[in-house]
Amino acid sequence: MKTKFIILCFLGALFWAIPSHSFNFGNILKEVQKSTRPPEKTQPSKEEETKPKQSPAQSSGQSGGLIGLGNSLGIFDKKTSKILQQSVNTLKALQPIAYEEEKAIGGRLAVEVFNRYGGAYDDPELLRYVNLVGQTVADVSSRSDIDYHFAILNTEFPNAFATPGGYVFVSIGLLRMIENEAELAGILAHEVAHIARKHALQTLERSRSLQGVSSLTLTVIDKDPGLFDKLIDEVSNVLFTKGLDKKLEFEADKYGREFAYRTGYYPGALKRFIQKLGASKKNQGSIFSSTHPTSRERYSLLQKYSSRYKKASLYPTLGKRFKVALKRQN
């Protein structure tokens, strides 16, 4: 336990020496433009020019593979062939969204988050601190191989968001409700968990807009901007109005607590903050009240599985360090 505490303190000192992955509105716009830029067209080689062209059916795979072979040999009757083809099309529609496409979607949604919730809060030092805490929990998450970016929103309502691709937002109003670094780590870890577990993408992959699309690629997005806009509208509606499925929020709480614990923070901090948020009048204007399960439900589930964290009370909360970082706001 003492060793883990020393490591956490060492990380705290190291924080101020490592580069920040925080981001600003201008960088987001550039990244979205870059992510959705169409690929450059190249001239076909002489070898490609001499290749026989495939028919539309061959190029789309409708008569290729074992199903096509079975049809040509008369192995499958028409009904069986149709059922098998429908199964293949279903499998194609379920192909997971790749990281580059995820970043394009997340970057576009990040712009919308800034537009909806007051833009970026102007305090570089506080942003750096939030970013460093966030990077620490992201590094021990179940998806530490992607870049994470953290921003503070200029709104007094206690809000927090995560969009696909690694973008995490926390409002200045929420920061002013937090009492220590362990609570901040738990909140950021909850949002990181949404990204690590691909919760928004799970919802998107079931979208009716993607029916008949075998895979969502940047090329597809470029060819059909209307499809991309429709997908963004659907995800926005989920994130900002309807909310994710309750099970996904509970999962984010569970994994968020675990990620904070792995880093060395007191694992009960997220549970305490959820309880405090539920009792606060500020919560009435927060997205938590309209898109999340009730604070009582979330607290109860976290309480139910608290026993797995032995000697949890010995883990630090780092209240003084948090207050030093936030002192200009008090």
C-alpha atoms as a PDB file:
ATOM      1  CA  MET A   1       0.000   0.000   0.000  1.00  0.00           C
ATOM      2  CA  LYS A   2       2.835   2.368   0.931  1.00  0.00           C
ATOM      3  CA  THR A   3       4.584   1.535  -2.337  1.00  0.00           C
ATOM      4  CA  LYS A   4       1.474   2.394  -4.354  1.00  0.00           C
ATOM      5  CA  PHE A   5       1.144   5.709  -2.508  1.00  0.00           C
ATOM      6  CA  ILE A   6       4.794   6.572  -3.253  1.00  0.00           C
ATOM      7  CA  ILE A   7       4.226   5.743  -6.927  1.00  0.00           C
ATOM      8  CA  LEU A   8       1.192   8.038  -7.024  1.00  0.00           C
ATOM      9  CA  CYS A   9       3.157  10.881  -5.455  1.00  0.00           C
ATOM     10  CA  PHE A  10       5.975  10.284  -7.931  1.00  0.00           C
ATOM     11  CA  LEU A  11       3.460  10.464 -10.783  1.00  0.00           C
ATOM     12  CA  GLY A  12       2.230  13.736  -9.371  1.00  0.00           C
ATOM     13  CA  ALA A  13       5.722  15.198  -9.537  1.00  0.00           C
ATOM     14  CA  LEU A  14       6.295  13.724 -12.975  1.00  0.00           C
ATOM     15  CA  PHE A  15       3.052  15.255 -14.287  1.00  0.00           C
ATOM     16  CA  TRP A  16       4.577  18.688 -14.588  1.00  0.00           C
ATOM     17  CA  ALA A  17       7.404  17.444 -16.800  1.00  0.00           C
ATOM     18  CA  ILE A  18       5.451  15.558 -19.462  1.00  0.00           C
ATOM     19  CA  PRO A  19       3.804  17.113 -22.528  1.00  0.00           C
ATOM     20  CA  SER A  20       0.086  17.857 -22.416  1.00  0.00           C
ATOM     21  CA  HIS A  21      -2.460  16.299 -24.760  1.00  0.00           C
ATOM     22  CA  SER A  22      -5.019  18.998 -24.041  1.00  0.00           C
ATOM     23  CA  PHE A  23      -6.696  20.520 -27.069  1.00  0.00           C
ATOM     24  CA  ASN A  24      -8.440  23.641 -28.215  1.00  0.00           C
ATOM     25  CA  PHE A  25     -11.320  24.466 -30.518  1.00  0.00           C
ATOM     26  CA  GLY A  26      -9.091  25.389 -33.468  1.00  0.00           C
ATOM     27  CA  ASN A  27      -7.179  22.117 -33.294  1.00  0.00           C
ATOM     28  CA  ILE A  28     -10.445  20.179 -33.208  1.00  0.00           C
ATOM     29  CA  LEU A  29     -11.643  21.878 -36.405  1.00  0.00           C
ATOM     30  CA  LYS A  30      -8.360  21.109 -38.148  1.00  0.00           C
ATOM     31  CA  GLU A  31      -8.486  17.488 -37.021  1.00  0.00           C
ATOM     32  CA  VAL A  32     -12.063  17.052 -38.227  1.00  0.00           C
ATOM     33  CA  GLN A  33     -11.190  18.557 -41.611  1.00  0.00           C
ATOM     34  CA  LYS A  34      -8.161  16.283 -41.897  1.00  0.00           C
ATOM     35  CA  SER A  35     -10.094  13.199 -40.811  1.00  0.00           C
ATOM     36  CA  THR A  36     -12.857  13.721 -43.358  1.00  0.00           C
ATOM     37  CA  ARG A  37     -10.679  14.811 -46.274  1.00  0.00           C
ATOM     38  CA  PRO A  38     -11.262  12.602 -49.322  1.00  0.00           C
ATOM     39  CA  PRO A  39      -8.362  10.411 -50.409  1.00  0.00           C
ATOM     40  CA  GLU A  40      -6.334  11.670 -53.349  1.00  0.00           C
ATOM     41  CA  LYS A  41      -7.174  10.052 -56.650  1.00  0.00           C
ATOM     42  CA  THR A  42      -4.338   8.188 -58.324  1.00  0.00           C
ATOM     43  CA  GLN A  43      -3.911   7.290 -61.953  1.00  0.00           C
ATOM     44  CA  PRO A  44      -4.411   3.565 -62.677  1.00  0.00           C
ATOM     45  CA  SER A  45      -1.276   1.625 -63.539  1.00  0.00           C
ATOM     46  CA  LYS A  46      -0.848  -0.032 -66.943  1.00  0.00           C
ATOM     47  CA  GLU A  47      -1.403  -3.404 -65.278  1.00  0.00           C
ATOM     48  CA  GLU A  48      -4.693  -2.212 -63.767  1.00  0.00           C
ATOM     49  CA  GLU A  49      -5.795  -0.755 -67.114  1.00  0.00           C
ATOM     50  CA  THR A  50      -5.335  -4.125 -68.823  1.00  0.00           C
ATOM     51  CA  LYS A  51      -7.187  -6.112 -66.140  1.00  0.00           C
ATOM     52  CA  PRO A  52     -10.670  -7.280 -67.159  1.00  0.00           C
ATOM     53  CA  LYS A  53     -13.341  -5.244 -65.421  1.00  0.00           C
ATOM     54  CA  GLN A  54     -15.660  -7.035 -63.007  1.00  0.00           C
ATOM     55  CA  SER A  55     -19.387  -6.895 -63.412  1.00  0.00           C
ATOM     56  CA  PRO A  56     -21.334  -4.980 -60.748  1.00  0.00           C
ATOM     57  CA  ALA A  57     -22.443  -8.274 -59.197  1.00  0.00           C
ATOM     58  CA  GLN A  58     -18.871  -9.564 -58.990  1.00  0.00           C
ATOM     59  CA  SER A  59     -17.447  -6.348 -57.555  1.00  0.00           C
ATOM     60  CA  SER A  60     -20.137  -6.186 -54.864  1.00  0.00           C
ATOM     61  CA  GLY A  61     -19.626  -9.826 -53.906  1.00  0.00           C
ATOM     62  CA  GLN A  62     -23.231 -10.729 -54.603  1.00  0.00           C
ATOM     63  CA  SER A  63     -22.331 -13.766 -56.718  1.00  0.00           C
ATOM     64  CA  GLY A  64     -18.826 -14.464 -55.412  1.00  0.00           C
ATOM     65  CA  GLY A  65     -17.428 -16.779 -52.740  1.00  0.00           C
ATOM     66  CA  LEU A  66     -18.977 -20.062 -51.666  1.00  0.00           C
ATOM     67  CA  ILE A  67     -22.530 -18.799 -52.077  1.00  0.00           C
ATOM     68  CA  GLY A  68     -21.888 -17.813 -55.686  1.00  0.00           C
ATOM     69  CA  LEU A  69     -20.149 -21.125 -56.336  1.00  0.00           C
ATOM     70  CA  GLY A  70     -23.039 -23.013 -54.749  1.00  0.00           C
ATOM     71  CA  ASN A  71     -25.506 -21.177 -56.955  1.00  0.00           C
ATOM     72  CA  SER A  72     -23.584 -21.923 -60.141  1.00  0.00           C
ATOM     73  CA  LEU A  73     -23.307 -25.633 -59.309  1.00  0.00           C
ATOM     74  CA  GLY A  74     -26.941 -25.879 -58.265  1.00  0.00           C
ATOM     75  CA  ILE A  75     -26.055 -26.916 -54.684  1.00  0.00           C
ATOM     76  CA  PHE A  76     -28.350 -24.300 -53.099  1.00  0.00           C
ATOM     77  CA  ASP A  77     -31.939 -23.707 -54.105  1.00  0.00           C
ATOM     78  CA  LYS A  78     -33.048 -20.071 -54.512  1.00  0.00           C
ATOM     79  CA  LYS A  79     -34.619 -19.828 -51.052  1.00  0.00           C
ATOM     80  CA  THR A  80     -31.538 -21.187 -49.268  1.00  0.00           C
ATOM     81  CA  SER A  81     -29.255 -18.960 -51.301  1.00  0.00           C
ATOM     82  CA  LYS A  82     -31.299 -15.899 -50.395  1.00  0.00           C
ATOM     83  CA  ILE A  83     -31.198 -16.736 -46.671  1.00  0.00           C
ATOM     84  CA  LEU A  84     -27.431 -17.260 -46.784  1.00  0.00           C
ATOM     85  CA  GLN A  85     -26.900 -14.001 -48.682  1.00  0.00           C
ATOM     86  CA  GLN A  86     -28.993 -12.103 -46.135  1.00  0.00           C
ATOM     87  CA  SER A  87     -26.841 -13.586 -43.369  1.00  0.00           C
ATOM     88  CA  VAL A  88     -23.668 -12.400 -45.107  1.00  0.00           C
ATOM     89  CA  ASN A  89     -25.129  -8.915 -45.541  1.00  0.00           C
ATOM     90  CA  THR A  90     -26.039  -8.848 -41.835  1.00  0.00           C
ATOM     91  CA  LEU A  91     -22.491  -9.781 -40.897  1.00  0.00           C
ATOM     92  CA  LYS A  92     -21.153  -7.042 -43.158  1.00  0.00           C
ATOM     93  CA  ALA A  93     -23.392  -4.477 -41.482  1.00  0.00           C
ATOM     94  CA  LEU A  94     -21.988  -5.463 -38.085  1.00  0.00           C
ATOM     95  CA  GLN A  95     -18.353  -4.740 -38.952  1.00  0.00           C
ATOM     96  CA  PRO A  96     -16.958  -2.509 -36.180  1.00  0.00           C
ATOM     97  CA  ILE A  97     -16.173   1.127 -36.925  1.00  0.00           C
ATOM     98  CA  ALA A  98     -12.404   1.616 -37.332  1.00  0.00           C
ATOM     99  CA  TYR A  99     -10.376   4.112 -35.288  1.00  0.00           C
ATOM    100  CA  GLU A 100      -9.911   6.732 -38.039  1.00  0.00           C
ATOM    101  CA  GLU A 101     -13.660   6.844 -38.615  1.00  0.00           C
ATOM    102  CA  GLU A 102     -14.240   6.902 -34.862  1.00  0.00           C
ATOM    103  CA  LYS A 103     -11.974   9.958 -34.576  1.00  0.00           C
ATOM    104  CA  ALA A 104     -13.820  11.723 -37.399  1.00  0.00           C
ATOM    105  CA  ILE A 105     -17.140  11.129 -35.635  1.00  0.00           C
ATOM    106  CA  GLY A 106     -15.750  12.093 -32.228  1.00  0.00           C
ATOM    107  CA  GLY A 107     -14.068  15.240 -33.569  1.00  0.00           C
ATOM    108  CA  ARG A 108     -17.280  16.426 -35.189  1.00  0.00           C
ATOM    109  CA  LEU A 109     -19.189  15.786 -31.966  1.00  0.00           C
ATOM    110  CA  ALA A 110     -16.491  17.611 -29.999  1.00  0.00           C
ATOM    111  CA  VAL A 111     -17.220  20.754 -32.012  1.00  0.00           C
ATOM    112  CA  GLU A 112     -20.881  20.375 -31.113  1.00  0.00           C
ATOM    113  CA  VAL A 113     -20.039  19.973 -27.411  1.00  0.00           C
ATOM    114  CA  PHE A 114     -18.139  23.274 -27.477  1.00  0.00           C
ATOM    115  CA  ASN A 115     -21.000  24.973 -29.331  1.00  0.00           C
ATOM    116  CA  ARG A 116     -23.675  23.698 -26.947  1.00  0.00           C
ATOM    117  CA  TYR A 117     -21.869  24.222 -23.647  1.00  0.00           C
ATOM    118  CA  GLY A 118     -20.166  27.595 -23.636  1.00  0.00           C
ATOM    119  CA  GLY A 119     -16.944  26.861 -25.488  1.00  0.00           C
ATOM    120  CA  ALA A 120     -13.590  26.283 -23.836  1.00  0.00           C
ATOM    121  CA  TYR A 121     -12.896  27.650 -20.357  1.00  0.00           C
ATOM    122  CA  ASP A 122      -9.825  29.885 -20.456  1.00  0.00           C
ATOM    123  CA  ASP A 123      -7.352  28.707 -17.824  1.00  0.00           C
ATOM    124  CA  PRO A 124      -4.309  26.939 -19.317  1.00  0.00           C
ATOM    125  CA  GLU A 125      -2.869  25.835 -15.958  1.00  0.00           C
ATOM    126  CA  LEU A 126      -6.115  24.311 -14.723  1.00  0.00           C
ATOM    127  CA  LEU A 127      -6.596  22.645 -18.111  1.00  0.00           C
ATOM    128  CA  ARG A 128      -3.120  21.173 -17.888  1.00  0.00           C
ATOM    129  CA  TYR A 129      -3.834  19.768 -14.444  1.00  0.00           C
ATOM    130  CA  VAL A 130      -7.133  18.178 -15.564  1.00  0.00           C
ATOM    131  CA  ASN A 131      -5.403  16.817 -18.645  1.00  0.00           C
ATOM    132  CA  LEU A 132      -2.620  15.204 -16.618  1.00  0.00           C
ATOM    133  CA  VAL A 133      -5.012  13.512 -14.190  1.00  0.00           C
ATOM    134  CA  GLY A 134      -7.066  12.316 -17.146  1.00  0.00           C
ATOM    135  CA  GLN A 135      -4.033  10.968 -19.001  1.00  0.00           C
ATOM    136  CA  THR A 136      -3.000   9.021 -15.912  1.00  0.00           C
ATOM    137  CA  VAL A 137      -6.276   7.113 -15.619  1.00  0.00           C
ATOM    138  CA  ALA A 138      -6.438   6.662 -19.412  1.00  0.00           C
ATOM    139  CA  ASP A 139      -2.998   5.039 -19.359  1.00  0.00           C
ATOM    140  CA  VAL A 140      -4.267   2.218 -17.119  1.00  0.00           C
ATOM    141  CA  SER A 141      -7.585   1.817 -18.932  1.00  0.00           C
ATOM    142  CA  SER A 142      -8.543  -1.150 -21.080  1.00  0.00           C
ATOM    143  CA  ARG A 143      -7.871   0.957 -24.173  1.00  0.00           C
ATOM    144  CA  SER A 144      -4.644   2.792 -23.464  1.00  0.00           C
ATOM    145  CA  ASP A 145      -3.340   2.522 -27.041  1.00  0.00           C
ATOM    146  CA  ILE A 146      -5.197   5.595 -28.362  1.00  0.00           C
ATOM    147  CA  ASP A 147      -4.707   9.300 -27.691  1.00  0.00           C
ATOM    148  CA  TYR A 148      -7.000  10.972 -25.171  1.00  0.00           C
ATOM    149  CA  HIS A 149      -7.737  14.698 -25.130  1.00  0.00           C
ATOM    150  CA  PHE A 150      -9.291  16.608 -22.231  1.00  0.00           C
ATOM    151  CA  ALA A 151     -11.012  19.998 -22.189  1.00  0.00           C
ATOM    152  CA  ILE A 152     -12.857  22.235 -19.710  1.00  0.00           C
ATOM    153  CA  LEU A 153     -16.225  23.685 -20.761  1.00  0.00           C
ATOM    154  CA  ASN A 154     -17.201  27.234 -19.859  1.00  0.00           C
ATOM    155  CA  THR A 155     -20.527  26.458 -18.176  1.00  0.00           C
ATOM    156  CA  GLU A 156     -21.522  26.542 -14.526  1.00  0.00           C
ATOM    157  CA  PHE A 157     -23.739  23.458 -14.862  1.00  0.00           C
ATOM    158  CA  PRO A 158     -21.984  20.302 -13.595  1.00  0.00           C
ATOM    159  CA  ASN A 159     -21.587  18.408 -16.868  1.00  0.00           C
ATOM    160  CA  ALA A 160     -19.153  15.861 -18.299  1.00  0.00           C
ATOM    161  CA  PHE A 161     -19.063  14.226 -21.734  1.00  0.00           C
ATOM    162  CA  ALA A 162     -17.088  11.729 -23.763  1.00  0.00           C
ATOM    163  CA  THR A 163     -17.205  11.445 -27.536  1.00  0.00           C
ATOM    164  CA  PRO A 164     -15.724   8.593 -29.591  1.00  0.00           C
ATOM    165  CA  GLY A 165     -12.065   8.777 -30.539  1.00  0.00           C
ATOM    166  CA  GLY A 166     -10.758   9.900 -27.139  1.00  0.00           C
ATOM    167  CA  TYR A 167     -12.347  13.308 -26.454  1.00  0.00           C
ATOM    168  CA  VAL A 168     -13.336  14.052 -22.837  1.00  0.00           C
ATOM    169  CA  PHE A 169     -15.003  17.199 -21.472  1.00  0.00           C
ATOM    170  CA  VAL A 170     -15.674  18.410 -17.947  1.00  0.00           C
ATOM    171  CA  SER A 171     -17.360  21.714 -17.072  1.00  0.00           C
ATOM    172  CA  ILE A 172     -15.949  24.374 -14.758  1.00  0.00           C
ATOM    173  CA  GLY A 173     -19.193  24.083 -12.780  1.00  0.00           C
ATOM    174  CA  LEU A 174     -18.508  20.426 -12.097  1.00  0.00           C
ATOM    175  CA  LEU A 175     -14.892  21.133 -11.136  1.00  0.00           C
ATOM    176  CA  ARG A 176     -16.132  23.609  -8.521  1.00  0.00           C
ATOM    177  CA  MET A 177     -18.248  20.859  -6.950  1.00  0.00           C
ATOM    178  CA  ILE A 178     -15.323  18.452  -6.651  1.00  0.00           C
ATOM    179  CA  GLU A 179     -13.474  18.263  -3.329  1.00  0.00           C
ATOM    180  CA  ASN A 180     -10.357  16.284  -4.181  1.00  0.00           C
ATOM    181  CA  GLU A 181      -8.241  14.768  -6.949  1.00  0.00           C
ATOM    182  CA  ALA A 182      -9.606  11.273  -6.372  1.00  0.00           C
ATOM    183  CA  GLU A 183     -13.112  12.504  -7.245  1.00  0.00           C
ATOM    184  CA  LEU A 184     -11.761  14.195 -10.368  1.00  0.00           C
ATOM    185  CA  ALA A 185      -9.942  10.991 -11.344  1.00  0.00           C
ATOM    186  CA  GLY A 186     -13.127   8.946 -10.845  1.00  0.00           C
ATOM    187  CA  ILE A 187     -15.201  11.306 -13.015  1.00  0.00           C
ATOM    188  CA  LEU A 188     -12.623  11.436 -15.809  1.00  0.00           C
ATOM    189  CA  ALA A 189     -12.192   7.662 -15.588  1.00  0.00           C
ATOM    190  CA  HIS A 190     -15.967   7.215 -16.007  1.00  0.00           C
ATOM    191  CA  GLU A 191     -15.769   9.192 -19.263  1.00  0.00           C
ATOM    192  CA  VAL A 192     -12.643   7.318 -20.373  1.00  0.00           C
ATOM    193  CA  ALA A 193     -14.545   4.079 -19.746  1.00  0.00           C
ATOM    194  CA  HIS A 194     -17.258   5.186 -22.194  1.00  0.00           C
ATOM    195  CA  ILE A 195     -14.555   5.531 -24.858  1.00  0.00           C
ATOM    196  CA  ALA A 196     -12.631   2.412 -23.865  1.00  0.00           C
ATOM    197  CA  ARG A 197     -15.792   0.289 -23.957  1.00  0.00           C
ATOM    198  CA  LYS A 198     -16.970   2.023 -27.184  1.00  0.00           C
ATOM    199  CA  HIS A 199     -20.414   2.726 -25.749  1.00  0.00           C
ATOM    200  CA  ALA A 200     -21.418   5.426 -28.244  1.00  0.00           C
ATOM    201  CA  LEU A 201     -20.141   3.302 -31.130  1.00  0.00           C
ATOM    202  CA  GLN A 202     -22.192   0.326 -29.943  1.00  0.00           C
ATOM    203  CA  THR A 203     -25.270   2.506 -30.209  1.00  0.00           C
ATOM    204  CA  LEU A 204     -24.199   3.878 -33.588  1.00  0.00           C
ATOM    205  CA  GLU A 205     -23.514   0.440 -35.085  1.00  0.00           C
ATOM    206  CA  ARG A 206     -27.160  -0.455 -34.447  1.00  0.00           C
ATOM    207  CA  SER A 207     -28.292   2.661 -36.305  1.00  0.00           C
ATOM    208  CA  ARG A 208     -30.910   2.304 -39.025  1.00  0.00           C
ATOM    209  CA  SER A 209     -28.906   4.769 -41.084  1.00  0.00           C
ATOM    210  CA  LEU A 210     -26.152   2.170 -41.455  1.00  0.00           C
ATOM    211  CA  GLN A 211     -28.411  -0.595 -42.704  1.00  0.00           C
ATOM    212  CA  GLY A 212     -27.035  -1.818 -46.018  1.00  0.00           C
ATOM    213  CA  VAL A 213     -23.616  -0.233 -45.370  1.00  0.00           C
ATOM    214  CA  SER A 214     -21.019  -2.996 -45.088  1.00  0.00           C
ATOM    215  CA  SER A 215     -18.489  -0.746 -43.347  1.00  0.00           C
ATOM    216  CA  LEU A 216     -18.291   2.922 -42.407  1.00  0.00           C
ATOM    217  CA  THR A 217     -15.077   4.286 -43.932  1.00  0.00           C
ATOM    218  CA  LEU A 218     -13.776   7.781 -44.635  1.00  0.00           C
ATOM    219  CA  THR A 219     -14.385   7.078 -48.315  1.00  0.00           C
ATOM    220  CA  VAL A 220     -18.030   6.267 -47.617  1.00  0.00           C
ATOM    221  CA  ILE A 221     -18.329   9.400 -45.479  1.00  0.00           C
ATOM    222  CA  ASP A 222     -16.830  11.525 -48.268  1.00  0.00           C
ATOM    223  CA  LYS A 223     -19.122  10.049 -50.926  1.00  0.00           C
ATOM    224  CA  ASP A 224     -22.234  10.504 -48.797  1.00  0.00           C
ATOM    225  CA  PRO A 225     -21.948  13.601 -46.546  1.00  0.00           C
ATOM    226  CA  GLY A 226     -25.659  13.337 -45.810  1.00  0.00           C
ATOM    227  CA  LEU A 227     -25.113   9.941 -44.208  1.00  0.00           C
ATOM    228  CA  PHE A 228     -22.369  11.372 -41.988  1.00  0.00           C
ATOM    229  CA  ASP A 229     -24.604  14.273 -40.917  1.00  0.00           C
ATOM    230  CA  LYS A 230     -27.415  11.850 -40.143  1.00  0.00           C
ATOM    231  CA  LEU A 231     -25.117   9.699 -37.997  1.00  0.00           C
ATOM    232  CA  ILE A 232     -23.860  12.752 -36.108  1.00  0.00           C
ATOM    233  CA  ASP A 233     -27.462  13.807 -35.435  1.00  0.00           C
ATOM    234  CA  GLU A 234     -28.279  10.337 -34.103  1.00  0.00           C
ATOM    235  CA  VAL A 235     -25.283  10.194 -31.768  1.00  0.00           C
ATOM    236  CA  SER A 236     -25.917  13.775 -30.615  1.00  0.00           C
ATOM    237  CA  ASN A 237     -29.476  12.855 -29.735  1.00  0.00           C
ATOM    238  CA  VAL A 238     -28.214   9.931 -27.659  1.00  0.00           C
ATOM    239  CA  LEU A 239     -25.409  11.817 -25.881  1.00  0.00           C
ATOM    240  CA  PHE A 240     -27.205  15.109 -25.222  1.00  0.00           C
ATOM    241  CA  THR A 241     -30.910  14.235 -25.029  1.00  0.00           C
ATOM    242  CA  LYS A 242     -31.875  10.575 -24.602  1.00  0.00           C
ATOM    243  CA  GLY A 243     -28.755   9.304 -22.884  1.00  0.00           C
ATOM    244  CA  LEU A 244     -27.003   5.967 -23.247  1.00  0.00           C
ATOM    245  CA  ASP A 245     -28.575   2.756 -22.060  1.00  0.00           C
ATOM    246  CA  LYS A 246     -28.587   2.487 -18.262  1.00  0.00           C
ATOM    247  CA  LYS A 247     -26.446  -0.633 -18.397  1.00  0.00           C
ATOM    248  CA  LEU A 248     -23.738   1.272 -20.255  1.00  0.00           C
ATOM    249  CA  GLU A 249     -23.724   4.048 -17.639  1.00  0.00           C
ATOM    250  CA  PHE A 250     -23.472   1.489 -14.842  1.00  0.00           C
ATOM    251  CA  GLU A 251     -20.627  -0.186 -16.737  1.00  0.00           C
ATOM    252  CA  ALA A 252     -18.816   3.153 -17.077  1.00  0.00           C
ATOM    253  CA  ASP A 253     -19.160   3.656 -13.311  1.00  0.00           C
ATOM    254  CA  LYS A 254     -17.743   0.190 -12.647  1.00  0.00           C
ATOM    255  CA  TYR A 255     -14.799   0.512 -15.008  1.00  0.00           C
ATOM    256  CA  GLY A 256     -14.223   4.146 -14.092  1.00  0.00           C
ATOM    257  CA  ARG A 257     -13.818   3.239 -10.442  1.00  0.00           C
ATOM    258  CA  GLU A 258     -11.502   0.400 -11.422  1.00  0.00           C
ATOM    259  CA  PHE A 259      -9.297   2.637 -13.594  1.00  0.00           C
ATOM    260  CA  ALA A 260      -8.973   5.218 -10.796  1.00  0.00           C
ATOM    261  CA  TYR A 261      -8.151   2.424  -8.333  1.00  0.00           C
ATOM    262  CA  ARG A 262      -5.463   1.000 -10.636  1.00  0.00           C
ATOM    263  CA  THR A 263      -3.827   4.414 -10.659  1.00  0.00           C
ATOM    264  CA  GLY A 264      -3.774   4.456  -6.857  1.00  0.00           C
ATOM    265  CA  TYR A 265      -6.684   6.754  -6.006  1.00  0.00           C
ATOM    266  CA  TYR A 266      -9.261   6.084  -3.315  1.00  0.00           C
ATOM    267  CA  PRO A 267     -11.850   3.906  -5.141  1.00  0.00           C
ATOM    268  CA  GLY A 268     -14.843   5.254  -3.194  1.00  0.00           C
ATOM    269  CA  ALA A 269     -14.383   8.810  -4.490  1.00  0.00           C
ATOM    270  CA  LEU A 270     -16.638   8.422  -7.540  1.00  0.00           C
ATOM    271  CA  LYS A 271     -19.406   6.960  -5.377  1.00  0.00           C
ATOM    272  CA  ARG A 272     -19.139   9.876  -2.938  1.00  0.00           C
ATOM    273  CA  PHE A 273     -19.320  12.438  -5.730  1.00  0.00           C
ATOM    274  CA  ILE A 274     -22.369  10.760  -7.294  1.00  0.00           C
ATOM    275  CA  GLN A 275     -24.124  10.938  -3.934  1.00  0.00           C
ATOM    276  CA  LYS A 276     -23.209  14.613  -3.580  1.00  0.00           C
ATOM    277  CA  LEU A 277     -24.326  15.370  -7.135  1.00  0.00           C
ATOM    278  CA  GLY A 278     -27.703  13.769  -6.489  1.00  0.00           C
ATOM    279  CA  ALA A 279     -28.281  15.998  -3.477  1.00  0.00           C
ATOM    280  CA  SER A 280     -27.205  19.205  -5.245  1.00  0.00           C
ATOM    281  CA  LYS A 281     -29.700  21.674  -6.686  1.00  0.00           C
ATOM    282  CA  LYS A 282     -27.194  22.390  -9.465  1.00  0.00           C
ATOM    283  CA  ASN A 283     -27.894  18.917 -10.807  1.00  0.00           C
ATOM    284  CA  GLN A 284     -31.267  20.158 -12.120  1.00  0.00           C
ATOM    285  CA  GLY A 285     -29.522  21.981 -14.952  1.00  0.00           C
ATOM    286  CA  SER A 286     -27.000  19.243 -15.590  1.00  0.00           C
ATOM    287  CA  ILE A 287     -27.053  16.634 -18.322  1.00  0.00           C
ATOM    288  CA  PHE A 288     -26.634  14.050 -15.553  1.00  0.00           C
ATOM    289  CA  SER A 289     -30.216  14.600 -14.466  1.00  0.00           C
ATOM    290  CA  SER A 290     -31.698  14.006 -17.922  1.00  0.00           C
ATOM    291  CA  THR A 291     -29.409  11.451 -19.579  1.00  0.00           C
ATOM    292  CA  HIS A 292     -28.090   9.326 -16.690  1.00  0.00           C
ATOM    293  CA  PRO A 293     -29.690   6.868 -14.270  1.00  0.00           C
ATOM    294  CA  THR A 294     -30.594   8.407 -10.919  1.00  0.00           C
ATOM    295  CA  SER A 295     -27.774   9.104  -8.504  1.00  0.00           C
ATOM    296  CA  ARG A 296     -29.428   6.685  -6.055  1.00  0.00           C
ATOM    297  CA  GLU A 297     -29.265   3.828  -8.589  1.00  0.00           C
ATOM    298  CA  ARG A 298     -25.651   4.534  -9.470  1.00  0.00           C
ATOM    299  CA  TYR A 299     -24.613   4.872  -5.837  1.00  0.00           C
ATOM    300  CA  SER A 300     -26.387   1.645  -4.869  1.00  0.00           C
ATOM    301  CA  LEU A 301     -24.655  -0.405  -7.555  1.00  0.00           C
ATOM    302  CA  LEU A 302     -21.230   0.979  -6.696  1.00  0.00           C
ATOM    303  CA  GLN A 303     -21.910   0.331  -3.013  1.00  0.00           C
ATOM    304  CA  LYS A 304     -22.945  -3.249  -3.788  1.00  0.00           C
ATOM    305  CA  TYR A 305     -19.522  -4.129  -5.185  1.00  0.00           C
ATOM    306  CA  SER A 306     -17.363  -2.003  -2.887  1.00  0.00           C
ATOM    307  CA  SER A 307     -16.202  -4.989  -0.850  1.00  0.00           C
ATOM    308  CA  ARG A 308     -13.770  -6.093  -3.572  1.00  0.00           C
ATOM    309  CA  TYR A 309     -11.571  -3.073  -2.781  1.00  0.00           C
ATOM    310  CA  LYS A 310      -9.714  -4.144   0.331  1.00  0.00           C
ATOM    311  CA  LYS A 311      -8.262  -1.459   2.595  1.00  0.00           C
ATOM    312  CA  ALA A 312      -9.772   1.171   0.297  1.00  0.00           C
ATOM    313  CA  SER A 313      -9.695   3.820   3.019  1.00  0.00           C
ATOM    314  CA  LEU A 314      -5.885   3.776   2.938  1.00  0.00           C
ATOM    315  CA  TYR A 315      -5.794   5.045  -0.627  1.00  0.00           C
ATOM    316  CA  PRO A 316      -5.217   8.824  -1.011  1.00  0.00           C
ATOM    317  CA  THR A 317      -7.749  11.421  -2.131  1.00  0.00           C
ATOM    318  CA  LEU A 318      -5.228  14.295  -2.551  1.00  0.00           C
ATOM    319  CA  GLY A 319      -7.552  17.091  -1.514  1.00  0.00           C
ATOM    320  CA  LYS A 320      -4.824  19.663  -0.922  1.00  0.00           C
ATOM    321  CA  ARG A 321      -3.273  19.188  -4.346  1.00  0.00           C
ATOM    322  CA  PHE A 322      -6.656  19.612  -5.984  1.00  0.00           C
ATOM    323  CA  LYS A 323      -7.376  22.814  -4.045  1.00  0.00           C
ATOM    324  CA  VAL A 324      -4.008  24.250  -5.042  1.00  0.00           C
ATOM    325  CA  ALA A 325      -4.816  23.597  -8.721  1.00  0.00           C
ATOM    326  CA  LEU A 326      -8.255  25.187  -8.314  1.00  0.00           C
ATOM    327  CA  LYS A 327      -7.318  28.027  -5.959  1.00  0.00           C
ATOM    328  CA  ARG A 328      -7.812  30.781  -8.573  1.00  0.00           C
ATOM    329  CA  GLN A 329     -11.413  29.608  -8.976  1.00  0.00           C
ATOM    330  CA  ASN A 330     -12.355  29.814  -5.259  1.00  0.00           C
END
